[in-house]
């Protein structure tokens, strides 16, 4: 599949927060549902919909993916705080 046939990737922006953590803001993808995980596993259509922002603690991996009926999901966007 070419990238044009997939759902667009969600945009994740981060900013520093307390004690080496990050605040991640996950953008919406028009016509798609964005899902996320913080356990390191790839998101599925059954994963949670993200709130307006997510705090990522050190040692946590945030993974975000967009889903749309009839199209392959987006590539997974990954943010890790060491």
C-alpha atoms as a PDB file:
ATOM      1  CA  UNK A   1       0.000   0.000   0.000  1.00  0.00           C
ATOM      2  CA  UNK A   2       1.170   3.486  -0.687  1.00  0.00           C
ATOM      3  CA  UNK A   3       1.100   6.141   2.018  1.00  0.00           C
ATOM      4  CA  UNK A   4      -1.641   7.989   0.097  1.00  0.00           C
ATOM      5  CA  UNK A   5      -3.999   5.062   0.716  1.00  0.00           C
ATOM      6  CA  UNK A   6      -3.559   5.165   4.503  1.00  0.00           C
ATOM      7  CA  UNK A   7      -5.182   7.398   7.087  1.00  0.00           C
ATOM      8  CA  UNK A   8      -3.020  10.444   7.868  1.00  0.00           C
ATOM      9  CA  UNK A   9      -0.791  10.220  10.951  1.00  0.00           C
ATOM     10  CA  UNK A  10      -1.914  12.197  14.004  1.00  0.00           C
ATOM     11  CA  UNK A  11       0.385  15.066  14.940  1.00  0.00           C
ATOM     12  CA  UNK A  12       1.758  14.837  18.479  1.00  0.00           C
ATOM     13  CA  UNK A  13       3.322  17.934  20.033  1.00  0.00           C
ATOM     14  CA  UNK A  14       5.117  17.864  23.372  1.00  0.00           C
ATOM     15  CA  UNK A  15       6.179  20.372  25.970  1.00  0.00           C
ATOM     16  CA  UNK A  16       8.194  19.906  29.165  1.00  0.00           C
ATOM     17  CA  UNK A  17       6.337  19.268  32.412  1.00  0.00           C
ATOM     18  CA  UNK A  18       7.354  18.646  36.017  1.00  0.00           C
ATOM     19  CA  UNK A  19       9.982  16.074  37.014  1.00  0.00           C
ATOM     20  CA  UNK A  20      11.245  15.200  33.503  1.00  0.00           C
ATOM     21  CA  UNK A  21       7.778  14.308  32.214  1.00  0.00           C
ATOM     22  CA  UNK A  22       6.188  15.676  29.041  1.00  0.00           C
ATOM     23  CA  UNK A  23       2.724  16.952  28.217  1.00  0.00           C
ATOM     24  CA  UNK A  24       1.665  15.554  24.831  1.00  0.00           C
ATOM     25  CA  UNK A  25      -1.131  17.117  22.793  1.00  0.00           C
ATOM     26  CA  UNK A  26      -2.541  14.787  20.160  1.00  0.00           C
ATOM     27  CA  UNK A  27      -4.084  16.356  17.082  1.00  0.00           C
ATOM     28  CA  UNK A  28      -7.291  15.155  15.464  1.00  0.00           C
ATOM     29  CA  UNK A  29      -7.374  13.585  12.016  1.00  0.00           C
ATOM     30  CA  UNK A  30     -10.416  14.638   9.944  1.00  0.00           C
ATOM     31  CA  UNK A  31     -12.753  11.710   9.292  1.00  0.00           C
ATOM     32  CA  UNK A  32     -10.797   9.364  11.555  1.00  0.00           C
ATOM     33  CA  UNK A  33     -10.771   8.229  15.175  1.00  0.00           C
ATOM     34  CA  UNK A  34      -7.460   8.615  17.010  1.00  0.00           C
ATOM     35  CA  UNK A  35      -6.535   5.948  19.591  1.00  0.00           C
ATOM     36  CA  UNK A  36      -3.589   5.777  21.982  1.00  0.00           C
ATOM     37  CA  UNK A  37      -1.712   3.552  24.422  1.00  0.00           C
ATOM     38  CA  UNK A  38       0.889   4.209  27.114  1.00  0.00           C
ATOM     39  CA  UNK A  39       1.839   0.579  27.766  1.00  0.00           C
ATOM     40  CA  UNK A  40       4.182   0.362  24.776  1.00  0.00           C
ATOM     41  CA  UNK A  41       1.787  -1.756  22.708  1.00  0.00           C
ATOM     42  CA  UNK A  42       0.527  -0.492  19.346  1.00  0.00           C
ATOM     43  CA  UNK A  43      -2.938   1.101  19.470  1.00  0.00           C
ATOM     44  CA  UNK A  44      -5.889  -0.838  18.095  1.00  0.00           C
ATOM     45  CA  UNK A  45      -9.394   0.254  17.174  1.00  0.00           C
ATOM     46  CA  UNK A  46     -10.336  -0.772  20.739  1.00  0.00           C
ATOM     47  CA  UNK A  47      -7.687   1.402  22.461  1.00  0.00           C
ATOM     48  CA  UNK A  48      -8.702   4.565  24.304  1.00  0.00           C
ATOM     49  CA  UNK A  49      -9.454   7.879  22.612  1.00  0.00           C
ATOM     50  CA  UNK A  50      -6.955  10.434  23.958  1.00  0.00           C
ATOM     51  CA  UNK A  51      -8.010  13.334  26.167  1.00  0.00           C
ATOM     52  CA  UNK A  52      -6.974  16.886  25.204  1.00  0.00           C
ATOM     53  CA  UNK A  53      -3.501  16.231  26.613  1.00  0.00           C
ATOM     54  CA  UNK A  54      -1.617  13.275  28.062  1.00  0.00           C
ATOM     55  CA  UNK A  55       1.166  13.419  30.653  1.00  0.00           C
ATOM     56  CA  UNK A  56       4.025  11.099  29.741  1.00  0.00           C
ATOM     57  CA  UNK A  57       6.194  10.097  32.687  1.00  0.00           C
ATOM     58  CA  UNK A  58       9.834   8.990  32.346  1.00  0.00           C
ATOM     59  CA  UNK A  59      10.005   5.395  31.127  1.00  0.00           C
ATOM     60  CA  UNK A  60       6.621   5.657  29.372  1.00  0.00           C
ATOM     61  CA  UNK A  61       6.027   5.154  25.660  1.00  0.00           C
ATOM     62  CA  UNK A  62       3.051   6.921  24.084  1.00  0.00           C
ATOM     63  CA  UNK A  63       1.816   5.375  20.837  1.00  0.00           C
ATOM     64  CA  UNK A  64      -0.862   7.033  18.703  1.00  0.00           C
ATOM     65  CA  UNK A  65      -2.650   5.809  15.563  1.00  0.00           C
ATOM     66  CA  UNK A  66      -5.633   7.024  13.508  1.00  0.00           C
ATOM     67  CA  UNK A  67      -8.368   4.700  12.217  1.00  0.00           C
ATOM     68  CA  UNK A  68     -11.013   5.230   9.539  1.00  0.00           C
ATOM     69  CA  UNK A  69     -13.532   2.696   8.256  1.00  0.00           C
ATOM     70  CA  UNK A  70     -12.579   1.287   4.863  1.00  0.00           C
ATOM     71  CA  UNK A  71      -8.941   2.459   4.979  1.00  0.00           C
ATOM     72  CA  UNK A  72      -5.755   1.040   6.458  1.00  0.00           C
ATOM     73  CA  UNK A  73      -4.863   2.830   9.717  1.00  0.00           C
ATOM     74  CA  UNK A  74      -2.157   5.447   9.898  1.00  0.00           C
ATOM     75  CA  UNK A  75       1.402   4.632  10.776  1.00  0.00           C
ATOM     76  CA  UNK A  76       1.964   4.584  14.551  1.00  0.00           C
ATOM     77  CA  UNK A  77       3.403   7.775  16.049  1.00  0.00           C
ATOM     78  CA  UNK A  78       5.649   7.014  19.043  1.00  0.00           C
ATOM     79  CA  UNK A  79       6.890   9.361  21.785  1.00  0.00           C
ATOM     80  CA  UNK A  80       9.148   8.018  24.547  1.00  0.00           C
ATOM     81  CA  UNK A  81      10.362   9.783  27.681  1.00  0.00           C
ATOM     82  CA  UNK A  82      13.656   8.350  28.935  1.00  0.00           C
END
